Amino acid sequence: PSEAAGETVRVTFTDLGGRTEMAFHQGGGN
């Protein structure tokens, strides 16, 4: 719906010394 804010996406990037852990969450209950 046009009035809906939509889902919330949160992404964190953790440095693993040349590699990266990407933690992704999508939520909001829509």
PDB file of all heavy atoms in Angstrom:
ATOM      1  N   PRO A   1       0.835  -1.205   0.000  1.00  0.00           N
ATOM      2  CA  PRO A   1       0.000   0.000   0.000  1.00  0.00           C
ATOM      3  C   PRO A   1       0.873   1.260   0.000  1.00  0.00           C
ATOM      4  O   PRO A   1       1.940   1.273   0.610  1.00  0.00           O
ATOM      5  CB  PRO A   1      -0.790  -0.112   1.308  1.00  0.00           C
ATOM      6  CG  PRO A   1      -0.680  -1.535   1.738  1.00  0.00           C
ATOM      7  CD  PRO A   1       0.592  -2.065   1.148  1.00  0.00           C
ATOM      8  N   SER A   2       0.426   2.296  -0.667  1.00  0.00           N
ATOM      9  CA  SER A   2       1.248   3.509  -0.809  1.00  0.00           C
ATOM     10  C   SER A   2       1.587   4.139   0.539  1.00  0.00           C
ATOM     11  O   SER A   2       2.643   4.746   0.694  1.00  0.00           O
ATOM     12  CB  SER A   2       0.539   4.524  -1.708  1.00  0.00           C
ATOM     13  OG  SER A   2      -0.706   4.883  -1.158  1.00  0.00           O
ATOM     14  N   GLU A   3       0.703   3.991   1.527  1.00  0.00           N
ATOM     15  CA  GLU A   3       0.969   4.592   2.839  1.00  0.00           C
ATOM     16  C   GLU A   3       1.897   3.739   3.704  1.00  0.00           C
ATOM     17  O   GLU A   3       2.362   4.184   4.751  1.00  0.00           O
ATOM     18  CB  GLU A   3      -0.341   4.860   3.590  1.00  0.00           C
ATOM     19  CG  GLU A   3      -1.077   3.620   4.052  1.00  0.00           C
ATOM     20  CD  GLU A   3      -1.944   2.950   2.974  1.00  0.00           C
ATOM     21  OE1 GLU A   3      -2.020   3.438   1.842  1.00  0.00           O
ATOM     22  OE2 GLU A   3      -2.545   1.906   3.296  1.00  0.00           O
ATOM     23  N   ALA A   4       2.190   2.508   3.278  1.00  0.00           N
ATOM     24  CA  ALA A   4       3.043   1.613   4.061  1.00  0.00           C
ATOM     25  C   ALA A   4       4.502   2.042   3.959  1.00  0.00           C
ATOM     26  O   ALA A   4       4.978   2.440   2.895  1.00  0.00           O
ATOM     27  CB  ALA A   4       2.896   0.176   3.571  1.00  0.00           C
ATOM     28  N   ALA A   5       5.224   1.970   5.074  1.00  0.00           N
ATOM     29  CA  ALA A   5       6.659   2.289   5.080  1.00  0.00           C
ATOM     30  C   ALA A   5       7.452   1.164   4.435  1.00  0.00           C
ATOM     31  O   ALA A   5       8.553   1.373   3.956  1.00  0.00           O
ATOM     32  CB  ALA A   5       7.139   2.520   6.505  1.00  0.00           C
ATOM     33  N   GLY A   6       6.892  -0.041   4.446  1.00  0.00           N
ATOM     34  CA  GLY A   6       7.591  -1.200   3.891  1.00  0.00           C
ATOM     35  C   GLY A   6       8.313  -1.970   4.974  1.00  0.00           C
ATOM     36  O   GLY A   6       8.236  -1.667   6.163  1.00  0.00           O
ATOM     37  N   GLU A   7       9.025  -2.966   4.536  1.00  0.00           N
ATOM     38  CA  GLU A   7       9.829  -3.787   5.425  1.00  0.00           C
ATOM     39  C   GLU A   7      11.086  -3.015   5.804  1.00  0.00           C
ATOM     40  O   GLU A   7      11.525  -2.123   5.071  1.00  0.00           O
ATOM     41  CB  GLU A   7      10.241  -5.077   4.706  1.00  0.00           C
ATOM     42  CG  GLU A   7       9.091  -6.023   4.401  1.00  0.00           C
ATOM     43  CD  GLU A   7       8.661  -6.793   5.631  1.00  0.00           C
ATOM     44  OE1 GLU A   7       9.475  -7.567   6.164  1.00  0.00           O
ATOM     45  OE2 GLU A   7       7.507  -6.617   6.047  1.00  0.00           O
ATOM     46  N   THR A   8      11.687  -3.375   6.923  1.00  0.00           N
ATOM     47  CA  THR A   8      12.963  -2.799   7.312  1.00  0.00           C
ATOM     48  C   THR A   8      14.056  -3.826   7.058  1.00  0.00           C
ATOM     49  O   THR A   8      13.939  -4.989   7.459  1.00  0.00           O
ATOM     50  CB  THR A   8      12.968  -2.393   8.797  1.00  0.00           C
ATOM     51  OG1 THR A   8      11.955  -1.404   8.994  1.00  0.00           O
ATOM     52  CG2 THR A   8      14.312  -1.827   9.223  1.00  0.00           C
ATOM     53  N   VAL A   9      15.102  -3.399   6.374  1.00  0.00           N
ATOM     54  CA  VAL A   9      16.264  -4.236   6.082  1.00  0.00           C
ATOM     55  C   VAL A   9      17.433  -3.686   6.888  1.00  0.00           C
ATOM     56  O   VAL A   9      17.730  -2.493   6.821  1.00  0.00           O
ATOM     57  CB  VAL A   9      16.587  -4.215   4.573  1.00  0.00           C
ATOM     58  CG1 VAL A   9      17.925  -4.879   4.293  1.00  0.00           C
ATOM     59  CG2 VAL A   9      15.477  -4.882   3.777  1.00  0.00           C
ATOM     60  N   ARG A  10      18.058  -4.566   7.669  1.00  0.00           N
ATOM     61  CA  ARG A  10      19.247  -4.206   8.444  1.00  0.00           C
ATOM     62  C   ARG A  10      20.382  -5.122   7.987  1.00  0.00           C
ATOM     63  O   ARG A  10      20.225  -6.341   7.990  1.00  0.00           O
ATOM     64  CB  ARG A  10      19.032  -4.440   9.934  1.00  0.00           C
ATOM     65  CG  ARG A  10      17.953  -3.610  10.551  1.00  0.00           C
ATOM     66  CD  ARG A  10      17.824  -3.898  12.057  1.00  0.00           C
ATOM     67  NE  ARG A  10      16.570  -3.475  12.619  1.00  0.00           N
ATOM     68  CZ  ARG A  10      16.138  -2.237  12.727  1.00  0.00           C
ATOM     69  NH1 ARG A  10      16.867  -1.268  12.268  1.00  0.00           N
ATOM     70  NH2 ARG A  10      14.975  -1.946  13.272  1.00  0.00           N
ATOM     71  N   VAL A  11      21.501  -4.500   7.625  1.00  0.00           N
ATOM     72  CA  VAL A  11      22.661  -5.275   7.193  1.00  0.00           C
ATOM     73  C   VAL A  11      23.875  -4.781   7.963  1.00  0.00           C
ATOM     74  O   VAL A  11      24.145  -3.577   7.996  1.00  0.00           O
ATOM     75  CB  VAL A  11      22.927  -5.116   5.673  1.00  0.00           C
ATOM     76  CG1 VAL A  11      23.955  -6.135   5.205  1.00  0.00           C
ATOM     77  CG2 VAL A  11      21.651  -5.253   4.867  1.00  0.00           C
ATOM     78  N   THR A  12      24.576  -5.709   8.607  1.00  0.00           N
ATOM     79  CA  THR A  12      25.820  -5.362   9.283  1.00  0.00           C
ATOM     80  C   THR A  12      26.959  -6.117   8.615  1.00  0.00           C
ATOM     81  O   THR A  12      26.790  -7.251   8.156  1.00  0.00           O
ATOM     82  CB  THR A  12      25.781  -5.682  10.789  1.00  0.00           C
ATOM     83  OG1 THR A  12      25.513  -7.072  10.965  1.00  0.00           O
ATOM     84  CG2 THR A  12      24.731  -4.864  11.505  1.00  0.00           C
ATOM     85  N   PHE A  13      28.097  -5.457   8.560  1.00  0.00           N
ATOM     86  CA  PHE A  13      29.277  -5.994   7.889  1.00  0.00           C
ATOM     87  C   PHE A  13      30.400  -6.073   8.923  1.00  0.00           C
ATOM     88  O   PHE A  13      30.832  -5.048   9.447  1.00  0.00           O
ATOM     89  CB  PHE A  13      29.692  -5.080   6.733  1.00  0.00           C
ATOM     90  CG  PHE A  13      28.563  -4.755   5.792  1.00  0.00           C
ATOM     91  CD1 PHE A  13      27.841  -3.573   5.928  1.00  0.00           C
ATOM     92  CD2 PHE A  13      28.201  -5.625   4.778  1.00  0.00           C
ATOM     93  CE1 PHE A  13      26.794  -3.258   5.073  1.00  0.00           C
ATOM     94  CE2 PHE A  13      27.147  -5.329   3.919  1.00  0.00           C
ATOM     95  CZ  PHE A  13      26.445  -4.147   4.062  1.00  0.00           C
ATOM     96  N   THR A  14      30.849  -7.277   9.214  1.00  0.00           N
ATOM     97  CA  THR A  14      31.888  -7.489  10.215  1.00  0.00           C
ATOM     98  C   THR A  14      33.179  -7.897   9.521  1.00  0.00           C
ATOM     99  O   THR A  14      33.194  -8.858   8.739  1.00  0.00           O
ATOM    100  CB  THR A  14      31.462  -8.581  11.222  1.00  0.00           C
ATOM    101  OG1 THR A  14      30.216  -8.191  11.817  1.00  0.00           O
ATOM    102  CG2 THR A  14      32.510  -8.775  12.299  1.00  0.00           C
ATOM    103  N   ASP A  15      34.250  -7.165   9.814  1.00  0.00           N
ATOM    104  CA  ASP A  15      35.563  -7.427   9.224  1.00  0.00           C
ATOM    105  C   ASP A  15      36.147  -8.698   9.827  1.00  0.00           C
ATOM    106  O   ASP A  15      36.276  -8.811  11.052  1.00  0.00           O
ATOM    107  CB  ASP A  15      36.473  -6.226   9.507  1.00  0.00           C
ATOM    108  CG  ASP A  15      37.839  -6.361   8.863  1.00  0.00           C
ATOM    109  OD1 ASP A  15      38.128  -7.392   8.221  1.00  0.00           O
ATOM    110  OD2 ASP A  15      38.634  -5.413   9.010  1.00  0.00           O
ATOM    111  N   LEU A  16      36.479  -9.635   8.951  1.00  0.00           N
ATOM    112  CA  LEU A  16      37.093 -10.886   9.391  1.00  0.00           C
ATOM    113  C   LEU A  16      38.517 -11.004   8.834  1.00  0.00           C
ATOM    114  O   LEU A  16      38.963 -12.082   8.472  1.00  0.00           O
ATOM    115  CB  LEU A  16      36.260 -12.088   8.940  1.00  0.00           C
ATOM    116  CG  LEU A  16      34.819 -12.163   9.444  1.00  0.00           C
ATOM    117  CD1 LEU A  16      34.098 -13.359   8.846  1.00  0.00           C
ATOM    118  CD2 LEU A  16      34.782 -12.221  10.964  1.00  0.00           C
ATOM    119  N   GLY A  17      39.204  -9.880   8.706  1.00  0.00           N
ATOM    120  CA  GLY A  17      40.575  -9.906   8.216  1.00  0.00           C
ATOM    121  C   GLY A  17      40.668 -10.326   6.753  1.00  0.00           C
ATOM    122  O   GLY A  17      41.237 -11.366   6.444  1.00  0.00           O
ATOM    123  N   GLY A  18      40.102  -9.548   5.867  1.00  0.00           N
ATOM    124  CA  GLY A  18      40.121  -9.862   4.437  1.00  0.00           C
ATOM    125  C   GLY A  18      38.848 -10.539   3.954  1.00  0.00           C
ATOM    126  O   GLY A  18      38.612 -10.636   2.753  1.00  0.00           O
ATOM    127  N   ARG A  19      38.072 -11.028   4.868  1.00  0.00           N
ATOM    128  CA  ARG A  19      36.754 -11.594   4.570  1.00  0.00           C
ATOM    129  C   ARG A  19      35.734 -10.775   5.359  1.00  0.00           C
ATOM    130  O   ARG A  19      36.088 -10.033   6.262  1.00  0.00           O
ATOM    131  CB  ARG A  19      36.689 -13.069   4.979  1.00  0.00           C
ATOM    132  CG  ARG A  19      37.715 -13.908   4.233  1.00  0.00           C
ATOM    133  CD  ARG A  19      37.741 -15.340   4.730  1.00  0.00           C
ATOM    134  NE  ARG A  19      36.614 -16.048   4.134  1.00  0.00           N
ATOM    135  CZ  ARG A  19      35.997 -17.083   4.693  1.00  0.00           C
ATOM    136  NH1 ARG A  19      36.383 -17.543   5.856  1.00  0.00           N
ATOM    137  NH2 ARG A  19      34.991 -17.660   4.092  1.00  0.00           N
ATOM    138  N   THR A  20      34.446 -10.949   5.018  1.00  0.00           N
ATOM    139  CA  THR A  20      33.406 -10.163   5.675  1.00  0.00           C
ATOM    140  C   THR A  20      32.225 -11.043   6.030  1.00  0.00           C
ATOM    141  O   THR A  20      31.736 -11.794   5.181  1.00  0.00           O
ATOM    142  CB  THR A  20      32.919  -9.027   4.744  1.00  0.00           C
ATOM    143  OG1 THR A  20      34.031  -8.225   4.383  1.00  0.00           O
ATOM    144  CG2 THR A  20      31.859  -8.170   5.422  1.00  0.00           C
ATOM    145  N   GLU A  21      31.787 -10.930   7.272  1.00  0.00           N
ATOM    146  CA  GLU A  21      30.517 -11.548   7.642  1.00  0.00           C
ATOM    147  C   GLU A  21      29.431 -10.512   7.402  1.00  0.00           C
ATOM    148  O   GLU A  21      29.489  -9.408   7.937  1.00  0.00           O
ATOM    149  CB  GLU A  21      30.505 -11.978   9.096  1.00  0.00           C
ATOM    150  CG  GLU A  21      29.172 -12.618   9.469  1.00  0.00           C
ATOM    151  CD  GLU A  21      29.090 -12.987  10.923  1.00  0.00           C
ATOM    152  OE1 GLU A  21      28.669 -12.125  11.717  1.00  0.00           O
ATOM    153  OE2 GLU A  21      29.465 -14.132  11.245  1.00  0.00           O
ATOM    154  N   MET A  22      28.454 -10.876   6.581  1.00  0.00           N
ATOM    155  CA  MET A  22      27.320 -10.009   6.287  1.00  0.00           C
ATOM    156  C   MET A  22      26.097 -10.611   6.957  1.00  0.00           C
ATOM    157  O   MET A  22      25.660 -11.708   6.612  1.00  0.00           O
ATOM    158  CB  MET A  22      27.103  -9.923   4.764  1.00  0.00           C
ATOM    159  CG  MET A  22      25.956  -9.017   4.360  1.00  0.00           C
ATOM    160  SD  MET A  22      25.753  -8.944   2.563  1.00  0.00           S
ATOM    161  CE  MET A  22      25.074 -10.592   2.231  1.00  0.00           C
ATOM    162  N   ALA A  23      25.569  -9.896   7.955  1.00  0.00           N
ATOM    163  CA  ALA A  23      24.366 -10.337   8.661  1.00  0.00           C
ATOM    164  C   ALA A  23      23.201  -9.489   8.160  1.00  0.00           C
ATOM    165  O   ALA A  23      23.226  -8.267   8.269  1.00  0.00           O
ATOM    166  CB  ALA A  23      24.547 -10.195  10.168  1.00  0.00           C
ATOM    167  N   PHE A  24      22.192 -10.148   7.619  1.00  0.00           N
ATOM    168  CA  PHE A  24      21.064  -9.494   6.971  1.00  0.00           C
ATOM    169  C   PHE A  24      19.780  -9.866   7.704  1.00  0.00           C
ATOM    170  O   PHE A  24      19.568 -11.039   8.032  1.00  0.00           O
ATOM    171  CB  PHE A  24      20.994  -9.987   5.519  1.00  0.00           C
ATOM    172  CG  PHE A  24      19.727  -9.617   4.795  1.00  0.00           C
ATOM    173  CD1 PHE A  24      19.651  -8.453   4.056  1.00  0.00           C
ATOM    174  CD2 PHE A  24      18.618 -10.448   4.844  1.00  0.00           C
ATOM    175  CE1 PHE A  24      18.489  -8.113   3.386  1.00  0.00           C
ATOM    176  CE2 PHE A  24      17.449 -10.125   4.181  1.00  0.00           C
ATOM    177  CZ  PHE A  24      17.377  -8.952   3.457  1.00  0.00           C
ATOM    178  N   HIS A  25      18.933  -8.873   7.941  1.00  0.00           N
ATOM    179  CA  HIS A  25      17.609  -9.141   8.507  1.00  0.00           C
ATOM    180  C   HIS A  25      16.580  -8.273   7.785  1.00  0.00           C
ATOM    181  O   HIS A  25      16.795  -7.074   7.598  1.00  0.00           O
ATOM    182  CB  HIS A  25      17.542  -8.851  10.006  1.00  0.00           C
ATOM    183  CG  HIS A  25      16.183  -9.115  10.572  1.00  0.00           C
ATOM    184  ND1 HIS A  25      15.727 -10.389  10.852  1.00  0.00           N
ATOM    185  CD2 HIS A  25      15.163  -8.279  10.867  1.00  0.00           C
ATOM    186  CE1 HIS A  25      14.488 -10.309  11.307  1.00  0.00           C
ATOM    187  NE2 HIS A  25      14.114  -9.035  11.319  1.00  0.00           N
ATOM    188  N   GLN A  26      15.496  -8.910   7.368  1.00  0.00           N
ATOM    189  CA  GLN A  26      14.348  -8.192   6.814  1.00  0.00           C
ATOM    190  C   GLN A  26      13.155  -8.514   7.687  1.00  0.00           C
ATOM    191  O   GLN A  26      12.836  -9.674   7.914  1.00  0.00           O
ATOM    192  CB  GLN A  26      14.054  -8.618   5.372  1.00  0.00           C
ATOM    193  CG  GLN A  26      12.803  -7.947   4.817  1.00  0.00           C
ATOM    194  CD  GLN A  26      12.436  -8.444   3.427  1.00  0.00           C
ATOM    195  OE1 GLN A  26      13.279  -8.854   2.658  1.00  0.00           O
ATOM    196  NE2 GLN A  26      11.145  -8.401   3.117  1.00  0.00           N
ATOM    197  N   GLY A  27      12.480  -7.492   8.160  1.00  0.00           N
ATOM    198  CA  GLY A  27      11.315  -7.712   9.003  1.00  0.00           C
ATOM    199  C   GLY A  27      10.420  -6.493   9.030  1.00  0.00           C
ATOM    200  O   GLY A  27      10.662  -5.506   8.356  1.00  0.00           O
ATOM    201  N   GLY A  28       9.418  -6.610   9.809  1.00  0.00           N
ATOM    202  CA  GLY A  28       8.463  -5.528   9.929  1.00  0.00           C
ATOM    203  C   GLY A  28       7.055  -6.065  10.045  1.00  0.00           C
ATOM    204  O   GLY A  28       6.131  -5.348  10.389  1.00  0.00           O
ATOM    205  N   GLY A  29       6.915  -7.356   9.738  1.00  0.00           N
ATOM    206  CA  GLY A  29       5.616  -7.980   9.889  1.00  0.00           C
ATOM    207  C   GLY A  29       4.608  -7.630   8.823  1.00  0.00           C
ATOM    208  O   GLY A  29       3.416  -7.876   8.991  1.00  0.00           O
ATOM    209  N   ASN A  30       5.071  -7.043   7.717  1.00  0.00           N
ATOM    210  CA  ASN A  30       4.153  -6.677   6.647  1.00  0.00           C
ATOM    211  C   ASN A  30       3.863  -7.824   5.688  1.00  0.00           C
ATOM    212  O   ASN A  30       2.970  -7.713   4.859  1.00  0.00           O
ATOM    213  CB  ASN A  30       4.735  -5.502   5.845  1.00  0.00           C
ATOM    214  CG  ASN A  30       4.930  -4.275   6.709  1.00  0.00           C
ATOM    215  OD1 ASN A  30       4.016  -3.830   7.375  1.00  0.00           O
ATOM    216  ND2 ASN A  30       6.131  -3.745   6.713  1.00  0.00           N
TER     217      ASN A  30
END
